[in-house]
Amino acid sequence: MVFVKLLWATYSELNAIYNKKITVKELAKNITNITNYNKNSLF
C-alpha cells in the first residue's frame, strides 16, 4: 500500500514537471518529503 502511494506520488510529480507547473528544486523537495513520509508510515 505504501509502495502504491509512493508510485502515485512520483507519477504526480512527473506529471507536474511535464505540465511545467513546478521547478526541479521544488520537485527535489517534494520527493524528499514523500520519502520521509513513507519512512514514517512504515515504522
PDB file of N, CA and C in Angstrom:
ATOM      1  N   MET A   1       0.835  -1.199   0.000  1.00  0.00           N
ATOM      2  CA  MET A   1       0.000   0.000   0.000  1.00  0.00           C
ATOM      3  C   MET A   1       0.871   1.251   0.000  1.00  0.00           C
ATOM      4  N   VAL A   2       1.921   1.229   0.824  1.00  0.00           N
ATOM      5  CA  VAL A   2       2.850   2.361   0.881  1.00  0.00           C
ATOM      6  C   VAL A   2       3.537   2.528  -0.470  1.00  0.00           C
ATOM      7  N   PHE A   3       3.901   1.393  -1.086  1.00  0.00           N
ATOM      8  CA  PHE A   3       4.570   1.440  -2.382  1.00  0.00           C
ATOM      9  C   PHE A   3       3.674   2.082  -3.439  1.00  0.00           C
ATOM     10  N   VAL A   4       2.402   1.724  -3.417  1.00  0.00           N
ATOM     11  CA  VAL A   4       1.446   2.297  -4.368  1.00  0.00           C
ATOM     12  C   VAL A   4       1.325   3.799  -4.152  1.00  0.00           C
ATOM     13  N   LYS A   5       1.305   4.217  -2.878  1.00  0.00           N
ATOM     14  CA  LYS A   5       1.246   5.646  -2.562  1.00  0.00           C
ATOM     15  C   LYS A   5       2.464   6.371  -3.111  1.00  0.00           C
ATOM     16  N   LEU A   6       3.636   5.759  -2.923  1.00  0.00           N
ATOM     17  CA  LEU A   6       4.886   6.352  -3.402  1.00  0.00           C
ATOM     18  C   LEU A   6       4.877   6.436  -4.922  1.00  0.00           C
ATOM     19  N   LEU A   7       4.427   5.363  -5.564  1.00  0.00           N
ATOM     20  CA  LEU A   7       4.372   5.313  -7.022  1.00  0.00           C
ATOM     21  C   LEU A   7       3.440   6.394  -7.556  1.00  0.00           C
ATOM     22  N   TRP A   8       2.269   6.527  -6.938  1.00  0.00           N
ATOM     23  CA  TRP A   8       1.304   7.523  -7.375  1.00  0.00           C
ATOM     24  C   TRP A   8       1.843   8.930  -7.173  1.00  0.00           C
ATOM     25  N   ALA A   9       2.480   9.172  -6.026  1.00  0.00           N
ATOM     26  CA  ALA A   9       3.048  10.488  -5.736  1.00  0.00           C
ATOM     27  C   ALA A   9       4.138  10.828  -6.750  1.00  0.00           C
ATOM     28  N   THR A  10       4.975   9.851  -7.074  1.00  0.00           N
ATOM     29  CA  THR A  10       6.040  10.070  -8.056  1.00  0.00           C
ATOM     30  C   THR A  10       5.444  10.389  -9.415  1.00  0.00           C
ATOM     31  N   TYR A  11       4.407   9.643  -9.801  1.00  0.00           N
ATOM     32  CA  TYR A  11       3.724   9.899 -11.070  1.00  0.00           C
ATOM     33  C   TYR A  11       3.160  11.315 -11.100  1.00  0.00           C
ATOM     34  N   SER A  12       2.568  11.737  -9.994  1.00  0.00           N
ATOM     35  CA  SER A  12       2.001  13.078  -9.902  1.00  0.00           C
ATOM     36  C   SER A  12       3.079  14.141 -10.068  1.00  0.00           C
ATOM     37  N   GLU A  13       4.238  13.916  -9.445  1.00  0.00           N
ATOM     38  CA  GLU A  13       5.354  14.859  -9.554  1.00  0.00           C
ATOM     39  C   GLU A  13       5.845  14.953 -10.996  1.00  0.00           C
ATOM     40  N   LEU A  14       6.005  13.805 -11.638  1.00  0.00           N
ATOM     41  CA  LEU A  14       6.468  13.793 -13.028  1.00  0.00           C
ATOM     42  C   LEU A  14       5.452  14.476 -13.934  1.00  0.00           C
ATOM     43  N   ASN A  15       4.185  14.261 -13.665  1.00  0.00           N
ATOM     44  CA  ASN A  15       3.117  14.887 -14.435  1.00  0.00           C
ATOM     45  C   ASN A  15       3.168  16.400 -14.274  1.00  0.00           C
ATOM     46  N   ALA A  16       3.451  16.857 -13.058  1.00  0.00           N
ATOM     47  CA  ALA A  16       3.558  18.294 -12.798  1.00  0.00           C
ATOM     48  C   ALA A  16       4.733  18.903 -13.563  1.00  0.00           C
ATOM     49  N   ILE A  17       5.849  18.186 -13.615  1.00  0.00           N
ATOM     50  CA  ILE A  17       7.005  18.663 -14.388  1.00  0.00           C
ATOM     51  C   ILE A  17       6.620  18.769 -15.857  1.00  0.00           C
ATOM     52  N   TYR A  18       5.944  17.755 -16.341  1.00  0.00           N
ATOM     53  CA  TYR A  18       5.522  17.732 -17.743  1.00  0.00           C
ATOM     54  C   TYR A  18       4.659  18.949 -18.051  1.00  0.00           C
ATOM     55  N   ASN A  19       3.840  19.311 -17.099  1.00  0.00           N
ATOM     56  CA  ASN A  19       2.960  20.471 -17.265  1.00  0.00           C
ATOM     57  C   ASN A  19       3.659  21.779 -16.934  1.00  0.00           C
ATOM     58  N   LYS A  20       4.952  21.706 -16.573  1.00  0.00           N
ATOM     59  CA  LYS A  20       5.774  22.888 -16.289  1.00  0.00           C
ATOM     60  C   LYS A  20       5.211  23.709 -15.126  1.00  0.00           C
ATOM     61  N   LYS A  21       4.590  23.028 -14.163  1.00  0.00           N
ATOM     62  CA  LYS A  21       3.971  23.747 -13.053  1.00  0.00           C
ATOM     63  C   LYS A  21       4.915  23.926 -11.873  1.00  0.00           C
ATOM     64  N   ILE A  22       5.919  23.066 -11.783  1.00  0.00           N
ATOM     65  CA  ILE A  22       6.855  23.185 -10.668  1.00  0.00           C
ATOM     66  C   ILE A  22       8.284  23.142 -11.186  1.00  0.00           C
ATOM     67  N   THR A  23       9.206  23.657 -10.401  1.00  0.00           N
ATOM     68  CA  THR A  23      10.616  23.651 -10.781  1.00  0.00           C
ATOM     69  C   THR A  23      11.289  22.386 -10.278  1.00  0.00           C
ATOM     70  N   VAL A  24      12.483  22.138 -10.767  1.00  0.00           N
ATOM     71  CA  VAL A  24      13.223  20.945 -10.348  1.00  0.00           C
ATOM     72  C   VAL A  24      13.539  21.002  -8.859  1.00  0.00           C
ATOM     73  N   LYS A  25      13.831  22.206  -8.362  1.00  0.00           N
ATOM     74  CA  LYS A  25      14.143  22.358  -6.936  1.00  0.00           C
ATOM     75  C   LYS A  25      12.936  21.965  -6.080  1.00  0.00           C
ATOM     76  N   GLU A  26      11.760  22.407  -6.499  1.00  0.00           N
ATOM     77  CA  GLU A  26      10.540  22.040  -5.770  1.00  0.00           C
ATOM     78  C   GLU A  26      10.306  20.539  -5.848  1.00  0.00           C
ATOM     79  N   LEU A  27      10.579  19.969  -7.014  1.00  0.00           N
ATOM     80  CA  LEU A  27      10.426  18.528  -7.176  1.00  0.00           C
ATOM     81  C   LEU A  27      11.309  17.767  -6.198  1.00  0.00           C
ATOM     82  N   ALA A  28      12.571  18.189  -6.107  1.00  0.00           N
ATOM     83  CA  ALA A  28      13.509  17.522  -5.203  1.00  0.00           C
ATOM     84  C   ALA A  28      13.019  17.600  -3.762  1.00  0.00           C
ATOM     85  N   LYS A  29      12.513  18.767  -3.384  1.00  0.00           N
ATOM     86  CA  LYS A  29      11.987  18.952  -2.027  1.00  0.00           C
ATOM     87  C   LYS A  29      10.787  18.036  -1.798  1.00  0.00           C
ATOM     88  N   ASN A  30       9.899  17.963  -2.786  1.00  0.00           N
ATOM     89  CA  ASN A  30       8.707  17.134  -2.657  1.00  0.00           C
ATOM     90  C   ASN A  30       9.058  15.657  -2.565  1.00  0.00           C
ATOM     91  N   ILE A  31      10.032  15.222  -3.364  1.00  0.00           N
ATOM     92  CA  ILE A  31      10.449  13.819  -3.306  1.00  0.00           C
ATOM     93  C   ILE A  31      11.019  13.491  -1.933  1.00  0.00           C
ATOM     94  N   THR A  32      11.786  14.427  -1.374  1.00  0.00           N
ATOM     95  CA  THR A  32      12.331  14.236  -0.028  1.00  0.00           C
ATOM     96  C   THR A  32      11.201  14.106   0.986  1.00  0.00           C
ATOM     97  N   ASN A  33      10.203  14.971   0.867  1.00  0.00           N
ATOM     98  CA  ASN A  33       9.053  14.916   1.775  1.00  0.00           C
ATOM     99  C   ASN A  33       8.297  13.603   1.635  1.00  0.00           C
ATOM    100  N   ILE A  34       8.102  13.163   0.406  1.00  0.00           N
ATOM    101  CA  ILE A  34       7.391  11.906   0.160  1.00  0.00           C
ATOM    102  C   ILE A  34       8.160  10.741   0.774  1.00  0.00           C
ATOM    103  N   THR A  35       9.480  10.744   0.567  1.00  0.00           N
ATOM    104  CA  THR A  35      10.322   9.669   1.105  1.00  0.00           C
ATOM    105  C   THR A  35      10.256   9.647   2.624  1.00  0.00           C
ATOM    106  N   ASN A  36      10.367  10.812   3.245  1.00  0.00           N
ATOM    107  CA  ASN A  36      10.298  10.893   4.704  1.00  0.00           C
ATOM    108  C   ASN A  36       8.935  10.441   5.209  1.00  0.00           C
ATOM    109  N   TYR A  37       7.874  10.832   4.524  1.00  0.00           N
ATOM    110  CA  TYR A  37       6.525  10.440   4.912  1.00  0.00           C
ATOM    111  C   TYR A  37       6.384   8.919   4.875  1.00  0.00           C
ATOM    112  N   ASN A  38       6.895   8.312   3.813  1.00  0.00           N
ATOM    113  CA  ASN A  38       6.783   6.863   3.682  1.00  0.00           C
ATOM    114  C   ASN A  38       7.614   6.136   4.731  1.00  0.00           C
ATOM    115  N   LYS A  39       8.777   6.683   5.076  1.00  0.00           N
ATOM    116  CA  LYS A  39       9.586   6.095   6.149  1.00  0.00           C
ATOM    117  C   LYS A  39       8.808   6.122   7.456  1.00  0.00           C
ATOM    118  N   ASN A  40       8.154   7.252   7.728  1.00  0.00           N
ATOM    119  CA  ASN A  40       7.398   7.394   8.967  1.00  0.00           C
ATOM    120  C   ASN A  40       6.201   6.451   8.999  1.00  0.00           C
ATOM    121  N   SER A  41       5.558   6.251   7.862  1.00  0.00           N
ATOM    122  CA  SER A  41       4.372   5.401   7.850  1.00  0.00           C
ATOM    123  C   SER A  41       4.740   3.918   7.878  1.00  0.00           C
ATOM    124  N   LEU A  42       6.001   3.602   7.576  1.00  0.00           N
ATOM    125  CA  LEU A  42       6.429   2.204   7.632  1.00  0.00           C
ATOM    126  C   LEU A  42       6.669   1.753   9.062  1.00  0.00           C
ATOM    127  N   PHE A  43       7.138   2.664   9.914  1.00  0.00           N
ATOM    128  CA  PHE A  43       7.538   2.280  11.271  1.00  0.00           C
ATOM    129  C   PHE A  43       6.564   2.758  12.330  1.00  0.00           C
TER     130      PHE A  43
END
